[in-house]
């Protein structure tokens, strides 16, 4: 039996955590593979750019193989890395944002049908700017906001962080946050294979199984 869509009211403001996961080594990630989790928190307001309330935090951890609800093996981040992102005793953000957010949520674990909701940068850009749908995170950001090139071509994780911030701000000026979350559950072709986790099981899955509607 198909679950009813979850309706998302319009949010005038809220707390959003922008995240990115990067494998430390080349190749398809595996159990025990070292990774870097980057995240930054801020507030969004309707029609405005993000107001950041923290700097980027970079935490090192590893991937672990666990079983999903169907009894199939899949990779997740280790517990200490997850607790660093979602510490106990502290209110969770309303939204997690990231490139290919459904895949990131698979690695993080946790349900998708209540906060923090997922805001997928890739799905949003594919909807609003379909001519760059075959571009990865960095190329898409450079194509859409080339004036930020000095930030988005630096060495290390900071370049990806600047690209994610650029795409998030662009999307928040195109649609309310609740609509972007609803769009994030729409099935679309997967992102290109130039991204660091391409080839990992689950990379080509583009639906969370939950349907959202928004004002």
N, C-alpha and C. Protein backbone atom coordinates (compact mmCIF):
# COMPACT_ATOMS: atom_id res chain seq x y z
N UNK A 1 0.83 -1.19 0.00
CA UNK A 1 0.00 0.00 0.00
C UNK A 1 0.88 1.25 0.00
N UNK A 2 0.63 2.16 -0.93
CA UNK A 2 1.43 3.36 -1.06
C UNK A 2 1.06 4.36 0.03
N UNK A 3 2.06 4.89 0.71
CA UNK A 3 1.82 5.87 1.76
C UNK A 3 1.33 7.18 1.15
N UNK A 4 0.51 7.89 1.90
CA UNK A 4 0.04 9.18 1.42
C UNK A 4 1.19 10.18 1.39
N UNK A 5 1.13 11.14 0.46
CA UNK A 5 2.17 12.18 0.44
C UNK A 5 2.19 12.97 1.74
N UNK A 6 3.37 13.39 2.14
CA UNK A 6 3.54 14.23 3.32
C UNK A 6 3.51 15.68 2.85
N UNK A 7 2.56 16.48 3.37
CA UNK A 7 2.47 17.87 2.96
C UNK A 7 3.40 18.73 3.80
N UNK A 8 4.17 19.57 3.15
CA UNK A 8 5.11 20.45 3.82
C UNK A 8 4.59 21.88 3.75
N UNK A 9 4.28 22.50 4.87
CA UNK A 9 3.83 23.89 4.84
C UNK A 9 4.98 24.81 4.47
N UNK A 10 4.64 26.03 4.08
CA UNK A 10 5.70 26.99 3.76
C UNK A 10 6.41 27.41 5.06
N UNK A 11 7.73 27.39 5.02
CA UNK A 11 8.54 27.77 6.18
C UNK A 11 9.09 29.17 5.97
N UNK A 12 8.71 30.14 6.79
CA UNK A 12 9.28 31.48 6.62
C UNK A 12 10.76 31.54 6.95
N UNK A 13 11.21 30.63 7.81
CA UNK A 13 12.62 30.56 8.20
C UNK A 13 12.87 29.21 8.86
N UNK A 14 14.12 28.86 8.99
CA UNK A 14 14.46 27.60 9.65
C UNK A 14 15.96 27.39 9.64
N UNK A 15 16.37 26.35 10.36
CA UNK A 15 17.80 26.04 10.46
C UNK A 15 18.13 24.94 9.46
N UNK A 16 19.22 25.13 8.72
CA UNK A 16 19.64 24.20 7.67
C UNK A 16 21.09 23.82 7.90
N UNK A 17 21.39 22.54 7.74
CA UNK A 17 22.77 22.05 7.84
C UNK A 17 23.20 21.57 6.46
N UNK A 18 24.19 22.22 5.89
CA UNK A 18 24.73 21.85 4.58
C UNK A 18 25.87 20.87 4.80
N UNK A 19 25.83 19.72 4.13
CA UNK A 19 26.81 18.66 4.39
C UNK A 19 27.46 18.18 3.11
N UNK A 20 28.63 17.58 3.26
CA UNK A 20 29.32 16.96 2.14
C UNK A 20 30.18 15.83 2.69
N UNK A 21 30.23 14.74 1.98
CA UNK A 21 31.08 13.61 2.33
C UNK A 21 32.10 13.39 1.22
N UNK A 22 33.35 13.20 1.60
CA UNK A 22 34.42 13.03 0.62
C UNK A 22 35.28 11.84 1.02
N UNK A 23 35.45 10.85 0.14
CA UNK A 23 36.38 9.76 0.47
C UNK A 23 37.81 10.28 0.46
N UNK A 24 38.63 9.82 1.38
CA UNK A 24 40.02 10.27 1.45
C UNK A 24 40.90 9.60 0.41
N UNK A 25 40.46 8.47 -0.14
CA UNK A 25 41.26 7.74 -1.13
C UNK A 25 40.46 7.56 -2.41
N UNK A 26 41.16 7.43 -3.51
CA UNK A 26 40.51 7.19 -4.79
C UNK A 26 39.96 5.76 -4.83
N UNK A 27 39.00 5.54 -5.71
CA UNK A 27 38.42 4.21 -5.85
C UNK A 27 37.08 4.09 -5.16
N UNK A 28 36.41 2.96 -5.40
CA UNK A 28 35.09 2.73 -4.82
C UNK A 28 35.24 2.51 -3.32
N UNK A 29 34.51 3.28 -2.49
CA UNK A 29 34.62 3.12 -1.04
C UNK A 29 34.22 1.72 -0.56
N UNK A 30 34.72 1.32 0.59
CA UNK A 30 34.51 -0.01 1.14
C UNK A 30 34.43 0.09 2.65
N UNK A 31 34.09 -1.02 3.30
CA UNK A 31 34.05 -1.06 4.76
C UNK A 31 35.42 -0.67 5.33
N UNK A 32 35.42 0.32 6.19
CA UNK A 32 36.66 0.79 6.78
C UNK A 32 37.33 1.92 6.04
N UNK A 33 36.80 2.30 4.86
CA UNK A 33 37.42 3.36 4.08
C UNK A 33 37.33 4.69 4.82
N UNK A 34 38.43 5.45 4.88
CA UNK A 34 38.41 6.74 5.59
C UNK A 34 37.68 7.80 4.76
N UNK A 35 36.91 8.63 5.45
CA UNK A 35 36.14 9.69 4.78
C UNK A 35 36.22 10.97 5.60
N UNK A 36 35.87 12.08 4.95
CA UNK A 36 35.78 13.38 5.61
C UNK A 36 34.33 13.85 5.51
N UNK A 37 33.75 14.21 6.64
CA UNK A 37 32.41 14.79 6.67
C UNK A 37 32.56 16.29 6.94
N UNK A 38 32.11 17.10 5.98
CA UNK A 38 32.10 18.55 6.15
C UNK A 38 30.67 18.99 6.40
N UNK A 39 30.48 19.94 7.31
CA UNK A 39 29.13 20.46 7.51
C UNK A 39 29.18 21.87 8.07
N UNK A 40 28.13 22.63 7.75
CA UNK A 40 28.02 24.02 8.21
C UNK A 40 26.55 24.33 8.43
N UNK A 41 26.23 25.03 9.50
CA UNK A 41 24.85 25.34 9.83
C UNK A 41 24.55 26.82 9.64
N UNK A 42 23.30 27.08 9.29
CA UNK A 42 22.85 28.46 9.16
C UNK A 42 21.34 28.53 9.15
N UNK A 43 20.82 29.74 9.01
CA UNK A 43 19.39 29.97 8.92
C UNK A 43 19.02 30.42 7.51
N UNK A 44 17.91 29.90 7.01
CA UNK A 44 17.37 30.40 5.75
C UNK A 44 16.11 31.21 6.06
N UNK A 45 15.86 32.20 5.23
CA UNK A 45 14.64 32.97 5.27
C UNK A 45 14.10 33.05 3.85
N UNK A 46 12.79 33.10 3.71
CA UNK A 46 12.16 33.07 2.39
C UNK A 46 12.73 34.19 1.52
N UNK A 47 13.25 33.80 0.34
CA UNK A 47 13.74 34.77 -0.63
C UNK A 47 15.09 35.36 -0.34
N UNK A 48 15.78 34.89 0.69
CA UNK A 48 17.07 35.46 1.08
C UNK A 48 18.18 34.42 0.99
N UNK A 49 19.41 34.90 0.98
CA UNK A 49 20.56 34.01 1.07
C UNK A 49 20.68 33.46 2.48
N UNK A 50 21.48 32.44 2.63
CA UNK A 50 21.70 31.84 3.94
C UNK A 50 22.42 32.81 4.87
N UNK A 51 22.06 32.75 6.14
CA UNK A 51 22.81 33.43 7.21
C UNK A 51 23.53 32.34 7.99
N UNK A 52 24.83 32.26 7.81
CA UNK A 52 25.58 31.16 8.43
C UNK A 52 25.87 31.47 9.88
N UNK A 53 25.72 30.48 10.74
CA UNK A 53 25.94 30.66 12.17
C UNK A 53 27.14 29.85 12.66
N UNK A 54 27.80 29.15 11.75
CA UNK A 54 29.01 28.41 12.11
C UNK A 54 29.94 28.38 10.91
N UNK A 55 31.22 28.14 11.17
CA UNK A 55 32.16 27.88 10.09
C UNK A 55 32.01 26.42 9.66
N UNK A 56 32.67 26.07 8.56
CA UNK A 56 32.67 24.68 8.14
C UNK A 56 33.44 23.84 9.16
N UNK A 57 32.87 22.71 9.50
CA UNK A 57 33.54 21.75 10.37
C UNK A 57 33.90 20.52 9.53
N UNK A 58 35.11 20.04 9.67
CA UNK A 58 35.56 18.86 8.95
C UNK A 58 35.95 17.78 9.95
N UNK A 59 35.25 16.67 9.89
CA UNK A 59 35.50 15.56 10.80
C UNK A 59 35.92 14.33 10.01
N UNK A 60 36.88 13.60 10.53
CA UNK A 60 37.35 12.39 9.87
C UNK A 60 36.72 11.17 10.54
N UNK A 61 36.37 10.20 9.70
CA UNK A 61 35.78 8.97 10.19
C UNK A 61 35.97 7.88 9.16
N UNK A 62 35.11 6.88 9.20
CA UNK A 62 35.22 5.78 8.24
C UNK A 62 33.83 5.25 7.92
N UNK A 63 33.77 4.46 6.86
CA UNK A 63 32.53 3.81 6.47
C UNK A 63 32.45 2.43 7.10
N UNK A 64 31.22 2.04 7.47
CA UNK A 64 30.99 0.72 8.02
C UNK A 64 29.89 0.03 7.24
N UNK A 65 30.00 -1.28 7.10
CA UNK A 65 28.98 -2.04 6.38
C UNK A 65 27.94 -2.54 7.37
N UNK A 66 26.67 -2.22 7.12
CA UNK A 66 25.57 -2.68 7.95
C UNK A 66 24.50 -3.27 7.05
N UNK A 67 23.39 -3.72 7.63
CA UNK A 67 22.28 -4.27 6.85
C UNK A 67 21.14 -3.26 6.83
N UNK A 68 20.52 -3.10 5.66
CA UNK A 68 19.38 -2.20 5.57
C UNK A 68 18.10 -2.92 6.00
N UNK A 69 16.95 -2.25 5.84
CA UNK A 69 15.68 -2.84 6.29
C UNK A 69 15.33 -4.11 5.55
N UNK A 70 15.88 -4.27 4.34
CA UNK A 70 15.62 -5.48 3.55
C UNK A 70 16.66 -6.56 3.79
N UNK A 71 17.56 -6.32 4.73
CA UNK A 71 18.59 -7.31 5.03
C UNK A 71 19.76 -7.30 4.07
N UNK A 72 19.87 -6.24 3.25
CA UNK A 72 20.95 -6.15 2.29
C UNK A 72 22.08 -5.29 2.86
N UNK A 73 23.34 -5.65 2.57
CA UNK A 73 24.45 -4.86 3.09
C UNK A 73 24.54 -3.49 2.42
N UNK A 74 24.83 -2.47 3.20
CA UNK A 74 25.09 -1.15 2.63
C UNK A 74 26.01 -0.40 3.57
N UNK A 75 26.62 0.66 3.06
CA UNK A 75 27.60 1.41 3.82
C UNK A 75 26.96 2.58 4.55
N UNK A 76 27.43 2.83 5.76
CA UNK A 76 27.03 4.00 6.53
C UNK A 76 28.28 4.60 7.18
N UNK A 77 28.16 5.83 7.66
CA UNK A 77 29.27 6.42 8.40
C UNK A 77 29.33 5.79 9.79
N UNK A 78 30.51 5.80 10.39
CA UNK A 78 30.64 5.22 11.73
C UNK A 78 29.91 6.08 12.75
N UNK A 79 29.58 5.49 13.89
CA UNK A 79 28.72 6.14 14.88
C UNK A 79 29.28 7.46 15.39
N UNK A 80 30.58 7.54 15.63
CA UNK A 80 31.14 8.77 16.18
C UNK A 80 31.02 9.92 15.18
N UNK A 81 31.12 9.62 13.90
CA UNK A 81 30.96 10.67 12.88
C UNK A 81 29.52 11.15 12.84
N UNK A 82 28.57 10.23 12.96
CA UNK A 82 27.16 10.62 12.97
C UNK A 82 26.84 11.45 14.21
N UNK A 83 27.36 11.04 15.36
CA UNK A 83 27.09 11.79 16.59
C UNK A 83 27.70 13.18 16.55
N UNK A 84 28.80 13.33 15.82
CA UNK A 84 29.39 14.65 15.67
C UNK A 84 28.51 15.58 14.86
N UNK A 85 27.76 15.00 13.92
CA UNK A 85 26.83 15.79 13.12
C UNK A 85 25.52 16.02 13.84
N UNK A 86 25.04 15.02 14.56
CA UNK A 86 23.75 15.06 15.25
C UNK A 86 23.95 14.75 16.73
N UNK A 87 24.55 15.67 17.49
CA UNK A 87 24.81 15.38 18.91
C UNK A 87 23.52 15.21 19.69
N UNK A 88 23.53 14.28 20.65
CA UNK A 88 22.35 14.06 21.48
C UNK A 88 22.11 15.27 22.38
N UNK A 89 20.84 15.52 22.68
CA UNK A 89 20.51 16.63 23.55
C UNK A 89 20.44 17.97 22.86
N UNK A 90 20.60 17.97 21.54
CA UNK A 90 20.53 19.22 20.80
C UNK A 90 19.49 19.08 19.70
N UNK A 91 18.67 20.11 19.51
CA UNK A 91 17.63 20.04 18.49
C UNK A 91 18.24 19.86 17.11
N UNK A 92 17.65 18.97 16.33
CA UNK A 92 18.13 18.73 14.97
C UNK A 92 17.73 19.89 14.07
N UNK A 93 18.48 20.14 12.99
CA UNK A 93 18.06 21.17 12.04
C UNK A 93 16.79 20.75 11.33
N UNK A 94 16.11 21.70 10.72
CA UNK A 94 14.91 21.38 9.95
C UNK A 94 15.27 20.65 8.66
N UNK A 95 16.41 21.01 8.05
CA UNK A 95 16.78 20.51 6.74
C UNK A 95 18.25 20.12 6.71
N UNK A 96 18.54 18.99 6.06
CA UNK A 96 19.89 18.65 5.61
C UNK A 96 19.96 18.99 4.12
N UNK A 97 20.99 19.70 3.70
CA UNK A 97 21.18 19.98 2.29
C UNK A 97 22.51 19.43 1.81
N UNK A 98 22.56 18.96 0.56
CA UNK A 98 23.80 18.46 0.00
C UNK A 98 23.60 18.02 -1.43
N UNK A 99 24.69 17.76 -2.12
CA UNK A 99 24.63 17.27 -3.49
C UNK A 99 24.31 15.78 -3.47
N UNK A 100 23.30 15.36 -4.24
CA UNK A 100 22.79 13.98 -4.22
C UNK A 100 22.44 13.59 -2.78
N UNK A 101 21.48 14.32 -2.23
CA UNK A 101 21.17 14.21 -0.81
C UNK A 101 20.64 12.84 -0.42
N UNK A 102 19.90 12.18 -1.29
CA UNK A 102 19.39 10.86 -0.91
C UNK A 102 20.55 9.89 -0.67
N UNK A 103 21.57 9.95 -1.49
CA UNK A 103 22.73 9.09 -1.30
C UNK A 103 23.45 9.44 0.01
N UNK A 104 23.61 10.74 0.27
CA UNK A 104 24.25 11.14 1.52
C UNK A 104 23.45 10.66 2.73
N UNK A 105 22.12 10.75 2.64
CA UNK A 105 21.30 10.31 3.77
C UNK A 105 21.43 8.80 3.96
N UNK A 106 21.57 8.06 2.87
CA UNK A 106 21.79 6.62 3.02
C UNK A 106 23.06 6.36 3.84
N UNK A 107 24.11 7.11 3.54
CA UNK A 107 25.37 6.91 4.26
C UNK A 107 25.26 7.38 5.71
N UNK A 108 24.46 8.42 5.95
CA UNK A 108 24.31 8.93 7.31
C UNK A 108 23.36 8.07 8.14
N UNK A 109 22.34 7.49 7.48
CA UNK A 109 21.31 6.74 8.19
C UNK A 109 20.20 7.64 8.67
N UNK A 110 19.14 7.05 9.14
CA UNK A 110 18.01 7.82 9.68
C UNK A 110 16.87 7.92 8.70
N UNK A 111 15.63 8.12 9.19
CA UNK A 111 14.45 8.22 8.32
C UNK A 111 14.42 9.52 7.54
N UNK A 112 13.62 9.54 6.46
CA UNK A 112 13.56 10.69 5.57
C UNK A 112 12.25 11.45 5.68
N UNK A 113 11.26 10.91 6.39
CA UNK A 113 9.91 11.48 6.30
C UNK A 113 9.59 12.47 7.41
N UNK A 114 10.57 12.82 8.23
CA UNK A 114 10.38 13.90 9.20
C UNK A 114 11.73 14.57 9.40
N UNK A 115 11.75 15.77 10.01
CA UNK A 115 13.00 16.51 10.09
C UNK A 115 14.13 15.70 10.72
N UNK A 116 15.36 15.97 10.25
CA UNK A 116 15.70 16.89 9.18
C UNK A 116 15.33 16.34 7.80
N UNK A 117 14.60 17.16 7.04
CA UNK A 117 14.25 16.80 5.67
C UNK A 117 15.46 16.97 4.76
N UNK A 118 15.38 16.35 3.58
CA UNK A 118 16.49 16.39 2.63
C UNK A 118 16.25 17.44 1.56
N UNK A 119 17.24 18.27 1.29
CA UNK A 119 17.21 19.22 0.19
C UNK A 119 18.37 18.86 -0.73
N UNK A 120 18.05 18.29 -1.89
CA UNK A 120 19.06 17.79 -2.81
C UNK A 120 19.43 18.87 -3.82
N UNK A 121 20.68 19.32 -3.76
CA UNK A 121 21.14 20.35 -4.69
C UNK A 121 21.09 19.86 -6.13
N UNK A 122 21.49 18.62 -6.35
CA UNK A 122 21.50 18.09 -7.72
C UNK A 122 20.10 18.07 -8.31
N UNK A 123 19.13 17.57 -7.57
CA UNK A 123 17.77 17.49 -8.09
C UNK A 123 17.20 18.88 -8.35
N UNK A 124 17.46 19.82 -7.45
CA UNK A 124 16.97 21.18 -7.65
C UNK A 124 17.57 21.84 -8.88
N UNK A 125 18.88 21.68 -9.05
CA UNK A 125 19.54 22.28 -10.22
C UNK A 125 19.05 21.61 -11.50
N UNK A 126 18.84 20.30 -11.45
CA UNK A 126 18.34 19.61 -12.64
C UNK A 126 16.95 20.13 -13.02
N UNK A 127 16.13 20.49 -12.03
CA UNK A 127 14.79 21.00 -12.31
C UNK A 127 14.83 22.42 -12.84
N UNK A 128 15.59 23.30 -12.20
CA UNK A 128 15.58 24.72 -12.56
C UNK A 128 16.58 25.08 -13.66
N UNK A 129 17.65 24.30 -13.79
CA UNK A 129 18.69 24.59 -14.79
C UNK A 129 19.04 23.30 -15.54
N UNK A 130 18.09 22.75 -16.31
CA UNK A 130 18.30 21.42 -16.90
C UNK A 130 19.45 21.35 -17.90
N UNK A 131 19.90 22.48 -18.43
CA UNK A 131 20.98 22.44 -19.41
C UNK A 131 22.32 22.04 -18.80
N UNK A 132 22.43 22.05 -17.47
CA UNK A 132 23.68 21.59 -16.84
C UNK A 132 23.47 20.32 -16.03
N UNK A 133 22.45 19.56 -16.39
CA UNK A 133 22.11 18.37 -15.60
C UNK A 133 23.20 17.31 -15.62
N UNK A 134 24.08 17.34 -16.62
CA UNK A 134 25.15 16.34 -16.70
C UNK A 134 26.44 16.81 -16.02
N UNK A 135 26.38 17.95 -15.34
CA UNK A 135 27.56 18.48 -14.67
C UNK A 135 27.60 18.01 -13.22
N UNK A 136 28.80 17.80 -12.71
CA UNK A 136 28.96 17.51 -11.30
C UNK A 136 28.84 18.77 -10.46
N UNK A 137 29.06 18.64 -9.17
CA UNK A 137 28.88 19.75 -8.24
C UNK A 137 29.70 20.97 -8.65
N UNK A 138 30.99 20.78 -8.86
CA UNK A 138 31.85 21.94 -9.13
C UNK A 138 31.55 22.58 -10.47
N UNK A 139 31.42 21.77 -11.53
CA UNK A 139 31.16 22.34 -12.85
C UNK A 139 29.82 23.06 -12.89
N UNK A 140 28.80 22.51 -12.21
CA UNK A 140 27.50 23.16 -12.19
C UNK A 140 27.59 24.53 -11.51
N UNK A 141 28.29 24.60 -10.39
CA UNK A 141 28.42 25.87 -9.68
C UNK A 141 29.22 26.88 -10.49
N UNK A 142 30.28 26.43 -11.14
CA UNK A 142 31.09 27.34 -11.96
C UNK A 142 30.31 27.86 -13.16
N UNK A 143 29.49 27.02 -13.74
CA UNK A 143 28.69 27.44 -14.89
C UNK A 143 27.64 28.46 -14.49
N UNK A 144 27.02 28.28 -13.35
CA UNK A 144 25.91 29.14 -12.95
C UNK A 144 26.37 30.43 -12.27
N UNK A 145 27.45 30.37 -11.52
CA UNK A 145 27.93 31.56 -10.80
C UNK A 145 29.44 31.68 -11.01
N UNK A 146 29.88 32.01 -12.21
CA UNK A 146 31.32 32.02 -12.50
C UNK A 146 32.10 33.07 -11.71
N UNK A 147 31.41 34.08 -11.20
CA UNK A 147 32.14 35.10 -10.43
C UNK A 147 32.70 34.56 -9.12
N UNK A 148 32.26 33.38 -8.69
CA UNK A 148 32.79 32.77 -7.46
C UNK A 148 33.95 31.82 -7.74
N UNK A 149 34.55 31.92 -8.92
CA UNK A 149 35.56 30.94 -9.33
C UNK A 149 36.73 30.88 -8.36
N UNK A 150 37.11 32.01 -7.77
CA UNK A 150 38.27 32.02 -6.88
C UNK A 150 38.01 31.20 -5.61
N UNK A 151 36.73 31.07 -5.22
CA UNK A 151 36.39 30.27 -4.05
C UNK A 151 36.20 28.80 -4.41
N UNK A 152 35.70 28.55 -5.62
CA UNK A 152 35.29 27.19 -5.98
C UNK A 152 36.37 26.38 -6.67
N UNK A 153 37.57 26.92 -6.77
CA UNK A 153 38.68 26.18 -7.40
C UNK A 153 39.87 26.06 -6.46
N UNK A 154 39.66 26.30 -5.17
CA UNK A 154 40.75 26.14 -4.22
C UNK A 154 41.04 24.65 -3.99
N UNK A 155 42.17 24.37 -3.38
CA UNK A 155 42.54 22.98 -3.12
C UNK A 155 41.77 22.45 -1.92
N UNK A 156 41.53 21.13 -1.93
CA UNK A 156 40.92 20.48 -0.78
C UNK A 156 39.42 20.63 -0.69
N UNK A 157 38.84 20.22 0.44
CA UNK A 157 37.38 20.23 0.61
C UNK A 157 36.75 21.61 0.52
N UNK A 158 37.52 22.68 0.75
CA UNK A 158 36.93 24.02 0.77
C UNK A 158 36.32 24.40 -0.57
N UNK A 159 36.85 23.87 -1.67
CA UNK A 159 36.27 24.17 -2.98
C UNK A 159 34.88 23.57 -3.11
N UNK A 160 34.71 22.34 -2.69
CA UNK A 160 33.38 21.71 -2.75
C UNK A 160 32.41 22.43 -1.82
N UNK A 161 32.90 22.86 -0.68
CA UNK A 161 32.03 23.58 0.25
C UNK A 161 31.52 24.87 -0.38
N UNK A 162 32.41 25.61 -1.03
CA UNK A 162 32.01 26.85 -1.69
C UNK A 162 31.02 26.58 -2.82
N UNK A 163 31.22 25.48 -3.55
CA UNK A 163 30.29 25.12 -4.63
C UNK A 163 28.91 24.80 -4.07
N UNK A 164 28.86 24.05 -2.98
CA UNK A 164 27.58 23.69 -2.38
C UNK A 164 26.85 24.94 -1.88
N UNK A 165 27.57 25.86 -1.23
CA UNK A 165 26.95 27.09 -0.76
C UNK A 165 26.40 27.90 -1.94
N UNK A 166 27.15 27.96 -3.02
CA UNK A 166 26.73 28.72 -4.19
C UNK A 166 25.43 28.16 -4.77
N UNK A 167 25.36 26.84 -4.93
CA UNK A 167 24.15 26.23 -5.49
C UNK A 167 22.97 26.37 -4.54
N UNK A 168 23.21 26.25 -3.24
CA UNK A 168 22.13 26.39 -2.28
C UNK A 168 21.53 27.79 -2.33
N UNK A 169 22.35 28.82 -2.34
CA UNK A 169 21.84 30.18 -2.41
C UNK A 169 21.05 30.41 -3.69
N UNK A 170 21.56 29.87 -4.80
CA UNK A 170 20.85 30.03 -6.07
C UNK A 170 19.46 29.41 -6.00
N UNK A 171 19.37 28.21 -5.45
CA UNK A 171 18.08 27.52 -5.36
C UNK A 171 17.12 28.22 -4.41
N UNK A 172 17.63 28.73 -3.29
CA UNK A 172 16.76 29.41 -2.33
C UNK A 172 16.17 30.70 -2.90
N UNK A 173 16.80 31.25 -3.93
CA UNK A 173 16.24 32.43 -4.59
C UNK A 173 15.26 32.04 -5.69
N UNK A 174 15.22 30.77 -6.05
CA UNK A 174 14.31 30.31 -7.09
C UNK A 174 13.02 29.72 -6.54
N UNK A 175 13.06 29.18 -5.33
CA UNK A 175 11.86 28.53 -4.77
C UNK A 175 11.95 28.50 -3.25
N UNK A 176 10.80 28.45 -2.56
CA UNK A 176 10.82 28.31 -1.10
C UNK A 176 11.45 26.98 -0.69
N UNK A 177 11.96 26.95 0.53
CA UNK A 177 12.65 25.76 1.00
C UNK A 177 11.76 24.52 0.99
N UNK A 178 10.46 24.68 1.33
CA UNK A 178 9.59 23.50 1.36
C UNK A 178 9.41 22.92 -0.04
N UNK A 179 9.37 23.77 -1.08
CA UNK A 179 9.27 23.26 -2.45
C UNK A 179 10.54 22.56 -2.87
N UNK A 180 11.68 23.07 -2.45
CA UNK A 180 12.95 22.42 -2.78
C UNK A 180 13.05 21.04 -2.12
N UNK A 181 12.54 20.92 -0.89
CA UNK A 181 12.52 19.62 -0.22
C UNK A 181 11.58 18.67 -0.97
N UNK A 182 10.40 19.16 -1.38
CA UNK A 182 9.47 18.31 -2.11
C UNK A 182 10.07 17.85 -3.43
N UNK A 183 10.76 18.74 -4.13
CA UNK A 183 11.41 18.37 -5.40
C UNK A 183 12.50 17.33 -5.19
N UNK A 184 13.11 17.34 -4.03
CA UNK A 184 14.25 16.46 -3.77
C UNK A 184 13.87 14.99 -3.77
N UNK A 185 12.58 14.68 -3.63
CA UNK A 185 12.14 13.29 -3.66
C UNK A 185 11.70 12.82 -5.03
N UNK A 186 11.77 13.71 -6.04
CA UNK A 186 11.33 13.35 -7.39
C UNK A 186 12.39 12.47 -8.04
N UNK A 187 11.95 11.43 -8.73
CA UNK A 187 12.89 10.53 -9.39
C UNK A 187 13.44 11.19 -10.66
N UNK A 188 14.75 11.31 -10.74
CA UNK A 188 15.44 11.86 -11.90
C UNK A 188 16.64 10.96 -12.20
N UNK A 189 17.24 11.10 -13.38
CA UNK A 189 18.47 10.33 -13.64
C UNK A 189 19.55 10.66 -12.63
N UNK A 190 20.44 9.72 -12.35
CA UNK A 190 21.48 9.96 -11.34
C UNK A 190 22.51 10.97 -11.80
N UNK A 191 23.26 11.55 -10.85
CA UNK A 191 24.31 12.51 -11.20
C UNK A 191 25.42 11.84 -12.02
N UNK A 192 26.29 12.65 -12.61
CA UNK A 192 27.37 12.08 -13.45
C UNK A 192 28.38 11.30 -12.63
N UNK A 193 29.18 10.53 -13.34
CA UNK A 193 30.14 9.64 -12.68
C UNK A 193 31.43 10.33 -12.27
N UNK A 194 31.53 11.64 -12.46
CA UNK A 194 32.74 12.35 -12.06
C UNK A 194 32.79 12.64 -10.56
N UNK A 195 31.68 12.43 -9.86
CA UNK A 195 31.63 12.71 -8.43
C UNK A 195 32.42 11.65 -7.64
N UNK A 196 32.94 12.01 -6.46
CA UNK A 196 33.82 11.10 -5.71
C UNK A 196 33.22 9.75 -5.36
N UNK A 197 31.89 9.69 -5.09
CA UNK A 197 31.29 8.43 -4.66
C UNK A 197 30.64 7.67 -5.81
N UNK A 198 30.76 8.15 -7.03
CA UNK A 198 30.16 7.44 -8.16
C UNK A 198 30.70 6.00 -8.22
N UNK A 199 29.82 5.06 -8.48
CA UNK A 199 30.21 3.66 -8.49
C UNK A 199 29.92 2.95 -7.19
N UNK A 200 29.68 3.71 -6.13
CA UNK A 200 29.31 3.11 -4.85
C UNK A 200 27.87 2.59 -4.92
N UNK A 201 27.57 1.41 -4.36
CA UNK A 201 26.18 0.94 -4.35
C UNK A 201 25.26 1.99 -3.75
N UNK A 202 24.15 2.26 -4.44
CA UNK A 202 23.20 3.26 -4.00
C UNK A 202 23.36 4.59 -4.70
N UNK A 203 24.48 4.80 -5.40
CA UNK A 203 24.70 6.08 -6.08
C UNK A 203 23.64 6.36 -7.14
N UNK A 204 23.18 5.33 -7.81
CA UNK A 204 22.24 5.52 -8.93
C UNK A 204 20.78 5.51 -8.48
N UNK A 205 20.53 5.36 -7.18
CA UNK A 205 19.17 5.40 -6.66
C UNK A 205 18.77 6.85 -6.45
N UNK A 206 17.66 7.27 -7.06
CA UNK A 206 17.27 8.68 -7.02
C UNK A 206 15.91 8.90 -6.40
N UNK A 207 15.46 8.03 -5.53
CA UNK A 207 14.20 8.26 -4.84
C UNK A 207 14.31 7.77 -3.42
N UNK A 208 13.71 8.49 -2.49
CA UNK A 208 13.79 8.12 -1.09
C UNK A 208 12.65 7.19 -0.66
N UNK A 209 11.63 7.03 -1.54
CA UNK A 209 10.47 6.24 -1.17
C UNK A 209 9.38 7.05 -0.51
N UNK A 210 9.66 8.33 -0.20
CA UNK A 210 8.67 9.21 0.41
C UNK A 210 8.27 10.28 -0.60
N UNK A 211 7.00 10.60 -0.64
CA UNK A 211 6.49 11.62 -1.55
C UNK A 211 6.05 12.84 -0.73
N UNK A 212 6.53 14.00 -1.14
CA UNK A 212 6.18 15.24 -0.44
C UNK A 212 5.44 16.19 -1.38
N UNK A 213 4.56 16.96 -0.83
CA UNK A 213 3.93 18.05 -1.56
C UNK A 213 4.18 19.33 -0.76
N UNK A 214 4.08 20.47 -1.45
CA UNK A 214 4.36 21.74 -0.79
C UNK A 214 3.46 22.82 -1.35
N UNK A 215 3.24 23.87 -0.55
CA UNK A 215 2.44 25.01 -0.99
C UNK A 215 3.10 25.67 -2.20
